Structure formats: C-alpha cells, structure tokens
Protein backbone atom coordinates (compact mmCIF):
# COMPACT_ATOMS: atom_id res chain seq x y z
CA MET A 1 -0.10 -0.04 0.09
CA PHE A 2 1.15 3.31 -0.73
CA LEU A 3 -0.18 5.77 1.94
CA SER A 4 -0.07 9.29 2.15
CA LEU A 5 -0.46 11.98 4.90
CA VAL A 6 -1.46 15.80 4.10
CA LYS A 7 -0.91 18.80 5.90
CA GLU A 8 -3.91 20.49 7.30
CA ARG A 9 -5.14 23.56 5.68
CA ASP A 10 -7.40 24.67 8.01
CA PRO A 11 -5.49 27.58 10.37
CA SER A 12 -7.81 26.43 12.89
CA GLU A 13 -6.58 21.91 12.55
CA ALA A 14 -3.37 21.57 14.58
CA ARG A 15 -3.84 17.52 14.41
CA VAL A 16 -2.45 15.43 12.47
CA ALA A 17 -3.61 12.08 11.30
CA LEU A 18 -0.80 9.80 12.06
CA THR A 19 1.94 10.17 13.95
CA PRO A 20 5.47 9.23 13.52
CA GLU A 21 4.97 5.75 15.44
CA GLY A 22 1.83 4.89 13.72
CA VAL A 23 3.75 5.47 10.52
CA ARG A 24 6.81 3.29 12.03
CA GLY A 25 3.94 0.92 12.47
CA LEU A 26 2.75 1.23 8.59
CA VAL A 27 6.51 0.86 7.29
CA GLU A 28 7.34 -2.31 9.69
CA ALA A 29 4.23 -4.08 7.93
CA GLY A 30 5.27 -3.46 4.62
CA HIS A 31 3.92 -0.56 3.15
CA GLU A 32 5.13 2.90 1.85
CA VAL A 33 4.17 6.03 3.42
CA VAL A 34 4.54 9.47 2.21
CA VAL A 35 4.31 12.45 4.37
CA GLU A 36 4.00 15.93 3.29
CA THR A 37 6.33 18.16 4.73
CA GLU A 38 4.81 20.04 8.07
CA ALA A 39 2.01 17.80 8.26
CA GLY A 40 2.91 17.27 11.77
CA GLN A 41 4.34 20.67 12.55
CA ARG A 42 1.99 21.88 14.92
CA ALA A 43 1.35 18.98 17.30
CA GLY A 44 4.67 18.48 17.57
CA PHE A 45 6.16 16.12 14.99
CA PRO A 46 8.59 17.49 12.53
CA ASP A 47 9.64 16.12 9.29
CA SER A 48 12.42 14.46 11.29
CA ASP A 49 10.58 12.19 13.36
CA TYR A 50 8.65 11.01 10.37
CA ARG A 51 12.09 10.44 8.15
CA ALA A 52 13.53 8.37 10.89
CA ALA A 53 10.44 6.39 11.19
CA GLY A 54 10.57 5.61 7.96
CA ALA A 55 8.60 7.89 5.75
CA GLN A 56 9.62 9.92 2.43
CA ILE A 57 9.11 13.21 2.93
CA ALA A 58 7.39 15.19 -0.07
CA PHE A 59 7.23 18.97 -0.36
CA SER A 60 4.20 19.92 -1.64
CA ASP A 61 0.95 17.75 -1.67
CA PHE A 62 0.87 17.09 -5.08
CA GLU A 63 3.81 15.35 -4.62
CA ALA A 64 2.41 13.21 -1.27
CA VAL A 65 -0.96 12.36 -2.88
CA ARG A 66 -0.18 11.28 -6.77
CA ALA A 67 -1.12 7.47 -7.46
CA CYS A 68 -1.54 6.91 -3.70
CA ASP A 69 -3.53 3.82 -2.02
CA VAL A 70 -4.59 5.65 0.74
CA LEU A 71 -4.96 9.46 1.68
CA VAL A 72 -4.97 9.63 5.63
CA LYS A 73 -6.04 13.11 7.14
CA VAL A 74 -7.89 14.81 9.96
CA GLN A 75 -10.67 17.07 8.36
CA ALA A 76 -12.59 16.55 5.27
CA PRO A 77 -10.16 17.32 1.86
CA THR A 78 -10.34 20.54 0.47
CA ASP A 79 -11.53 21.30 -3.05
CA GLU A 80 -7.95 21.30 -4.24
CA GLU A 81 -6.95 17.74 -2.53
CA LEU A 82 -10.12 16.01 -3.86
CA GLU A 83 -8.91 16.66 -7.86
CA LEU A 84 -5.40 15.02 -6.59
CA ILE A 85 -7.39 11.89 -5.84
CA THR A 86 -7.78 9.19 -8.51
CA PRO A 87 -10.62 6.61 -9.22
CA ASP A 88 -8.11 4.02 -7.30
CA SER A 89 -7.80 5.74 -3.98
CA THR A 90 -9.11 5.82 -0.96
CA LEU A 91 -9.99 8.86 1.53
CA VAL A 92 -9.94 8.51 5.34
CA SER A 93 -10.97 11.25 7.16
CA PHE A 94 -13.86 12.64 9.61
CA LEU A 95 -16.54 13.63 7.16
CA HIS A 96 -19.59 14.82 8.83
CA LEU A 97 -21.49 14.59 5.63
CA ALA A 98 -24.85 14.10 6.79
CA ALA A 99 -24.41 17.55 8.20
CA ARG A 100 -22.35 19.39 5.86
CA LYS A 101 -23.58 21.61 2.91
CA GLN A 102 -24.09 19.01 -0.52
CA GLY A 103 -21.42 20.18 -2.10
CA LEU A 104 -18.49 18.28 -0.87
CA LEU A 105 -20.58 14.93 -1.09
CA GLU A 106 -21.28 15.50 -5.30
CA ARG A 107 -17.53 16.36 -5.25
CA LEU A 108 -16.41 13.24 -3.45
CA ILE A 109 -18.91 11.16 -6.00
CA GLY A 110 -17.53 12.79 -9.10
CA SER A 111 -14.16 11.94 -7.94
CA GLY A 112 -14.33 8.43 -8.02
CA SER A 113 -12.86 7.46 -5.30
CA THR A 114 -13.64 5.68 -2.04
CA ALA A 115 -14.20 7.84 1.40
CA VAL A 116 -14.21 6.61 4.98
CA ALA A 117 -15.60 8.52 7.53
CA LEU A 118 -13.80 7.90 10.64
CA GLU A 119 -16.39 9.24 13.13
CA LEU A 120 -18.76 6.77 11.87
CA ILE A 121 -16.19 3.58 13.04
CA GLU A 122 -17.84 1.50 15.76
CA LYS A 123 -16.92 -1.73 17.25
CA GLN A 124 -18.77 -3.04 19.92
CA GLY A 125 -21.05 -0.03 20.72
CA ARG A 126 -17.71 1.96 20.73
CA ARG A 127 -15.73 4.25 18.58
CA PRO A 128 -12.35 3.90 18.78
CA VAL A 129 -11.90 6.68 17.05
CA MET A 130 -14.52 9.17 17.95
CA ASP A 131 -14.83 8.19 21.65
CA PRO A 132 -11.68 9.65 22.77
CA ILE A 133 -11.75 12.71 20.99
CA SER A 134 -15.36 13.51 22.05
CA ALA A 135 -13.83 12.55 25.95
CA MET A 136 -11.00 15.17 25.00
CA GLY A 137 -13.38 18.14 24.43
CA GLY A 138 -15.72 17.18 27.70
CA ARG A 139 -12.64 17.81 29.66
CA ILE A 140 -11.12 20.87 27.19
CA ALA A 141 -14.63 22.58 27.80
CA MET A 142 -14.24 22.64 31.49
CA ASN A 143 -11.25 23.94 31.60
CA LEU A 144 -12.19 27.08 29.33
CA VAL A 145 -15.27 27.63 31.48
CA GLN A 146 -13.16 28.52 34.75
CA HIS A 147 -11.73 30.77 32.52
CA HIS A 148 -14.78 32.27 30.96
CA LEU A 149 -15.64 32.74 34.75
CA THR A 150 -13.23 35.18 35.38
CA ARG A 151 -13.21 38.76 35.01
CA ALA A 152 -10.46 38.25 32.65
CA GLY A 153 -12.46 35.80 30.68
CA GLY A 154 -15.36 38.55 30.34
CA GLY A 155 -17.03 36.80 33.26
CA LEU A 156 -18.67 38.08 36.57
CA GLY A 157 -15.50 37.01 38.05
CA ARG A 158 -16.61 33.21 39.89
CA LEU A 159 -14.99 30.40 40.94
CA ILE A 160 -16.40 27.01 40.01
CA ALA A 161 -15.96 25.52 43.55
CA GLY A 162 -17.02 28.39 45.35
CA SER A 163 -15.54 29.56 48.87
CA PRO A 164 -16.83 28.90 52.64
CA GLY A 165 -20.00 30.37 52.60
CA VAL A 166 -20.17 30.93 48.95
CA PRO A 167 -21.46 27.68 46.93
CA PRO A 168 -20.28 27.20 43.56
CA VAL A 169 -21.41 27.28 40.24
CA ARG A 170 -24.08 25.22 38.96
CA VAL A 171 -23.27 23.02 35.93
CA LEU A 172 -25.99 21.15 33.55
CA VAL A 173 -24.66 19.14 31.71
CA LEU A 174 -26.98 17.90 28.69
CA GLY A 175 -26.18 14.88 27.11
CA GLY A 176 -24.48 11.93 28.77
CA GLY A 177 -22.56 10.29 25.90
CA VAL A 178 -18.83 10.54 26.20
CA ALA A 179 -18.65 13.62 25.52
CA GLY A 180 -20.83 14.66 28.32
CA LEU A 181 -19.61 12.18 30.49
CA ALA A 182 -16.39 13.66 30.54
CA ALA A 183 -17.54 17.16 30.98
CA ALA A 184 -19.60 16.43 34.10
CA GLN A 185 -16.84 14.52 35.85
CA ALA A 186 -14.39 17.35 34.81
CA ALA A 187 -16.66 19.91 36.63
CA GLN A 188 -17.29 18.04 39.43
CA ALA A 189 -13.28 17.70 39.74
CA GLN A 190 -13.58 21.51 40.01
CA GLY A 191 -16.34 21.32 42.74
CA ALA A 192 -19.13 22.88 40.67
CA GLN A 193 -22.59 21.42 41.69
CA VAL A 194 -23.45 19.17 38.78
CA ALA A 195 -26.71 17.98 37.13
CA ILE A 196 -26.72 16.06 33.58
CA VAL A 197 -29.78 15.44 31.69
CA GLU A 198 -30.48 12.06 29.97
CA LEU A 199 -33.10 10.58 27.26
CA ASP A 200 -32.05 7.23 27.60
CA ALA A 201 -33.03 4.90 31.19
CA THR A 202 -30.44 2.90 30.93
CA ARG A 203 -27.82 5.51 30.13
CA LEU A 204 -29.34 7.12 33.17
CA MET A 205 -28.23 4.02 35.28
CA VAL A 206 -24.60 4.19 33.85
CA LEU A 207 -24.22 7.41 34.55
CA HIS A 208 -25.78 7.49 38.14
CA GLU A 209 -23.28 4.35 39.13
CA GLN A 210 -20.02 6.37 37.34
CA LEU A 211 -21.54 9.86 38.81
CA ARG A 212 -21.82 9.75 42.43
CA GLY A 213 -22.80 13.50 43.82
CA VAL A 214 -24.27 14.27 40.55
CA VAL A 215 -27.96 14.99 39.98
CA THR A 216 -29.02 12.53 37.84
CA VAL A 217 -31.95 14.11 35.34
CA GLY A 218 -34.89 12.31 32.71
CA ALA A 219 -34.82 14.08 30.13
CA SER A 220 -37.98 16.10 29.67
CA ALA A 221 -39.34 19.32 28.86
CA SER A 222 -40.02 19.92 32.53
CA ASN A 223 -37.07 18.99 34.04
CA LEU A 224 -34.90 21.07 31.41
CA SER A 225 -36.71 24.36 31.73
CA HIS A 226 -36.08 23.92 35.71
CA TYR A 227 -32.16 22.84 35.14
CA LEU A 228 -31.82 25.91 32.68
CA GLN A 229 -33.65 28.28 34.74
CA TRP A 230 -31.03 26.63 37.51
CA ALA A 231 -27.72 26.64 36.02
CA ASP A 232 -24.74 29.34 36.08
CA VAL A 233 -23.68 27.07 32.91
CA VAL A 234 -24.65 24.53 30.61
CA VAL A 235 -22.78 21.89 28.40
CA CYS A 236 -24.65 20.99 25.40
CA ALA A 237 -23.15 17.43 24.36
CA VAL A 238 -26.29 16.01 22.78
CA GLY A 239 -25.65 14.49 18.84
CA ARG A 240 -27.13 11.47 16.17
CA ARG A 241 -24.03 9.72 15.19
CA GLY A 242 -23.61 10.42 11.92
CA LEU A 243 -26.64 13.62 11.88
CA PRO A 244 -27.10 17.19 12.18
CA ALA A 245 -27.69 17.42 16.03
CA PRO A 246 -30.44 18.21 17.38
CA LYS A 247 -31.96 21.85 17.69
CA ILE A 248 -33.06 20.82 21.51
CA LEU A 249 -32.25 24.62 23.08
CA THR A 250 -34.65 27.25 21.01
CA THR A 251 -34.81 30.42 21.20
CA ALA A 252 -37.72 30.58 23.50
CA ARG A 253 -35.55 28.11 25.86
CA MET A 254 -32.89 29.96 25.99
CA ARG A 255 -34.55 33.28 26.90
CA SER A 256 -35.47 30.95 30.80
CA MET A 257 -31.75 30.96 31.12
CA ARG A 258 -30.07 33.58 33.48
CA SER A 259 -28.69 36.07 32.79
CA GLY A 260 -25.04 36.44 32.07
CA SER A 261 -25.06 32.38 32.06
CA LEU A 262 -22.64 30.80 30.03
CA LEU A 263 -23.12 28.22 27.14
CA VAL A 264 -20.73 25.37 26.20
CA ASP A 265 -21.71 24.00 22.69
CA LEU A 266 -19.85 20.93 22.10
CA SER A 267 -22.22 19.95 18.94
CA ILE A 268 -20.97 22.99 17.17
CA ASP A 269 -19.00 20.92 14.62
CA GLU A 270 -22.33 19.11 14.10
CA GLY A 271 -24.41 22.15 13.56
CA GLY A 272 -24.61 22.85 17.43
CA CYS A 273 -27.98 22.22 20.04
CA ALA A 274 -29.09 25.91 20.33
CA GLU A 275 -31.12 27.75 17.95
CA THR A 276 -28.22 30.40 18.91
CA SER A 277 -25.21 28.90 18.34
CA ARG A 278 -22.94 29.24 15.60
CA PRO A 279 -19.16 28.64 14.97
CA SER A 280 -17.15 31.17 16.54
CA ALA A 281 -13.52 31.45 18.14
CA SER A 282 -14.50 33.86 20.74
CA VAL A 283 -17.24 33.84 23.14
CA TYR A 284 -20.64 36.09 21.61
CA GLU A 285 -23.86 37.04 23.51
CA ALA A 286 -27.43 35.96 22.77
CA GLU A 287 -30.80 35.82 24.05
CA GLY A 288 -28.49 36.95 26.78
CA VAL A 289 -26.25 34.33 27.20
CA ARG A 290 -22.60 34.34 26.58
CA HIS A 291 -22.39 31.46 24.15
CA LEU A 292 -18.98 29.25 24.04
CA CYS A 293 -18.99 27.54 20.44
CA VAL A 294 -15.30 26.69 19.52
CA PRO A 295 -15.01 24.18 16.77
CA ASN A 296 -12.68 21.63 17.00
CA LEU A 297 -11.91 21.87 20.75
CA ALA A 298 -9.27 19.01 20.30
CA SER A 299 -7.24 20.70 18.66
CA LEU A 300 -5.93 23.00 21.63
CA VAL A 301 -4.64 19.30 22.61
CA ALA A 302 -3.55 18.69 19.21
CA GLN A 303 -0.54 16.12 20.29
CA THR A 304 -2.57 14.56 22.78
CA ALA A 305 -5.45 14.00 20.24
CA SER A 306 -2.82 13.07 17.13
CA GLU A 307 -1.61 10.46 19.50
CA ALA A 308 -5.05 9.01 20.39
CA LEU A 309 -6.24 9.57 16.42
CA SER A 310 -3.02 7.24 15.53
CA ILE A 311 -3.73 4.74 17.65
CA GLY A 312 -7.64 4.34 16.38
CA THR A 313 -6.89 4.27 12.78
CA MET A 314 -3.78 2.43 12.80
CA PRO A 315 -5.81 -1.09 12.36
CA LEU A 316 -8.55 0.53 9.82
CA LEU A 317 -5.42 1.36 7.84
CA LEU A 318 -3.68 -1.83 7.87
CA ALA A 319 -6.29 -3.28 6.83
CA LEU A 320 -6.62 -1.06 3.93
CA GLY A 321 -3.87 -1.86 3.33
CA ARG A 322 -4.98 -5.86 1.69
CA GLY A 323 -8.07 -4.02 0.32
CA MET A 324 -11.34 -2.66 0.61
CA ARG A 325 -13.12 -5.85 0.06
CA ARG A 326 -10.53 -8.07 2.53
CA ALA A 327 -10.18 -4.86 4.87
CA ILE A 328 -14.06 -5.44 5.50
CA GLU A 329 -14.03 -8.66 5.92
CA LYS A 330 -11.49 -7.85 8.97
CA ARG A 331 -12.66 -4.92 10.21
CA PRO A 332 -16.57 -4.73 9.87
CA GLU A 333 -16.89 -1.70 11.04
CA LEU A 334 -15.44 0.19 7.86
CA LEU A 335 -18.83 -0.75 6.23
CA ALA A 336 -20.89 1.03 7.66
CA ALA A 337 -18.42 3.45 7.95
CA THR A 338 -17.98 3.62 4.06
CA GLN A 339 -20.01 6.73 2.82
CA VAL A 340 -18.99 6.82 -0.95
CA PHE A 341 -17.18 3.98 -2.51
CA GLU A 342 -15.75 4.12 -5.99
CA GLY A 343 -18.32 7.54 -6.94
CA THR A 344 -21.32 5.75 -5.38
CA LEU A 345 -22.74 6.81 -2.05
CA CYS A 346 -23.79 3.91 -0.40
CA CYS A 347 -24.59 5.34 3.04
CA PRO A 348 -28.14 5.40 3.56
CA MET A 349 -28.59 8.11 6.51
CA VAL A 350 -26.31 10.53 3.93
CA ALA A 351 -28.36 9.91 1.22
CA LYS A 352 -31.61 10.67 2.97
CA MET A 353 -30.78 14.22 4.63
CA GLN A 354 -28.94 15.06 0.88
CA GLY A 355 -31.93 13.96 -0.44
CA GLY A 356 -30.45 11.14 -2.79
CA THR A 357 -30.16 7.31 -2.87
CA ALA A 358 -27.43 5.33 -1.67
CA GLU A 359 -26.33 1.85 -3.49
CA ASP A 360 -26.43 -1.11 -0.89
CA LEU A 361 -22.16 -1.64 -0.48
CA HIS A 362 -22.11 -5.31 -0.11
CA GLY A 363 -23.44 -5.28 -3.40
CA LEU A 364 -20.96 -3.15 -4.76
CA LEU A 365 -18.39 -5.14 -3.57
CA GLY A 366 -20.07 -8.12 -4.92
C-alpha cells in the first residue's frame, strides 16, 4: 500500500492523523508512507521524526498524494486535494457528510474515489476513533469554562468551586454520552454542583453509578426548563451519530436561562444544539446568554489528540492495505463507515439527509 499523509489546510486544525509512531507501524508492515513536509509540525512532530520512522517527505500536496492508494487526514478534503485523488484511491478522514452542505458529497462522488468516515467507525458499541476525541472535548470545555467565568475571561469573576460560605457554580450537562460524561466528571472534579440530563433510561443508570454526587435527570420538557433556570453554565453534548445535532435549545428556552450564564456547545461541529449557536473562535452573547461555540476543541491539545487519532486509525489503515474487500472482512466496522465507494454513494443516512439515493455496499463489493 502507498499511503499519503498531508498537511491540514484549515488554520484552526493543528492535529495530524498519523504520528511518527503510527507511520513506523505501517512501514514495518511493509507499506510505503509519504508525508507532506510540516504535516505534523503544529502537533509537535517534525519532519525528522517521520523520516526516522521510515516515511518519505514530500514537499507539496501534489507530490504526496499522486498515485496514492490511501489518503489519510483529519479534516474533510479540500477541493484542491480532491482534484489530486484518483478513482483508485481511498480517503480516510472525518467527513460529517450528513451535516454538511451537499457540495462536498457531490465532489467526492465526482472524484470516483472511496471515502471512509472516521466518526462512524463503531465496534461493540464503542467508537475507537471518535470517543477519545469526544472525551477530550468535554474535559477541555471545563478548563475553558473556568477561564470564561473570571473577569479576565469576560465573566462576572466566579470560581467554580466557590469558597466557604459561597456556593459553587451550578453546571448543567445535556447529554450523557462520552463527551457529556467527561464534562460532568471534570466539572465535579473542579468542585461544581453538577446535574446531567439524559434521554435513555439505561444510560441514566450507568451515569448514576459512575457519577456519585451528580444529579442525574431524565430528559423531559419540564425537567429541561427547570434546570436551565437553575444553571450558571450549560454544556451541550447531545449528538446523533452521523447526523446534525438536534436543536434542543430553542430561542424561547434560551430566554429562560439566567442572564449572563454561559452556554458551551460541544455539538457545534455537527451544527450545534442551540438555535443561537454558531461556530466562533471567541465568546459572543445572544439572548442574554454568553455562548462558547469553538469548533474542533481537541485541536487545542493537538499532540495528545493526534496520538489518540493515530492509535484509533492504525488498525483500519493496516486492514485497508489488503484492499477494501478483504479489509471489510477483517474489520466489519468499515462497512457502515464507508460513505462513498468508487464514486457511488452507499450510505442511506447521508442519502436521506442530502436527498439522494444510496446503493448497497455489499452489492457494490460483489
């Protein structure tokens, strides 16, 4: 297999999909890896580390991508990168096609290539690539919350843990998945009063066992209304795998929140959970509520996130070295994650959201 790793073009993306250690594993397995110069620079992995791991260093994306079998990256490909991909190539990256405008899907289909979405890799109820990144987002969010509650961060000057005689900050977490659990644990560790709202009854039992001292709340309109008025900080961590985030916080509900409270929308990469949410590198105010909607939070800890990505992605890349048909036999989780196969849409969920039709991948594979 000839695998290419390119430098991310998005200025806010500092992660890299493969670390030098990951490259070493691929080279030792007999594969050829070409890395675009400075691909890992912002995550703390210089070209010299990749060269020492056995990679060839290319000095342009064209040189790195041409004739590659697999292109691995973090963000969805740019138009320029898609122009370099051949119909025989396989793209492996985060795609979020159902939540994006149709243009990317059309260009992927037009390229004639195969596209695998890392966010949809799931095995035994776990997402080995996405879950560690989601957990990081929850932890990072609470670090940012403490800053934005201080005067220096534009807040009223509050300490999450409070002080003797001064109650701690009230944190409401919406959604008890991986990101929500991590955010609740981090908030509790910092001394906050924490409540977490979850729709699934089975998941509520798990949260109750794992979050001793945290109030677990069943999702209902009345409960949501009560706790939104109670909270100083609301962390949105509600998502639907592969789909846009549900708008559970309407403008009317936002108006019921405490004036000057802080909303952290961890679902902003999937469109956000609040009608007032929009991607922004800085805090903004809407309906009397301060909004923290920073996309791609894990990029703030690019080195740690890159190492986690590399660990989660490596087994898939090693499997793809056998070709897509044999890879799916070895890694069945690739079946649901393959969005486009040789220029044909094969994901019913994306087809439904984008208004197209999807072919059955089993049939396409013969």
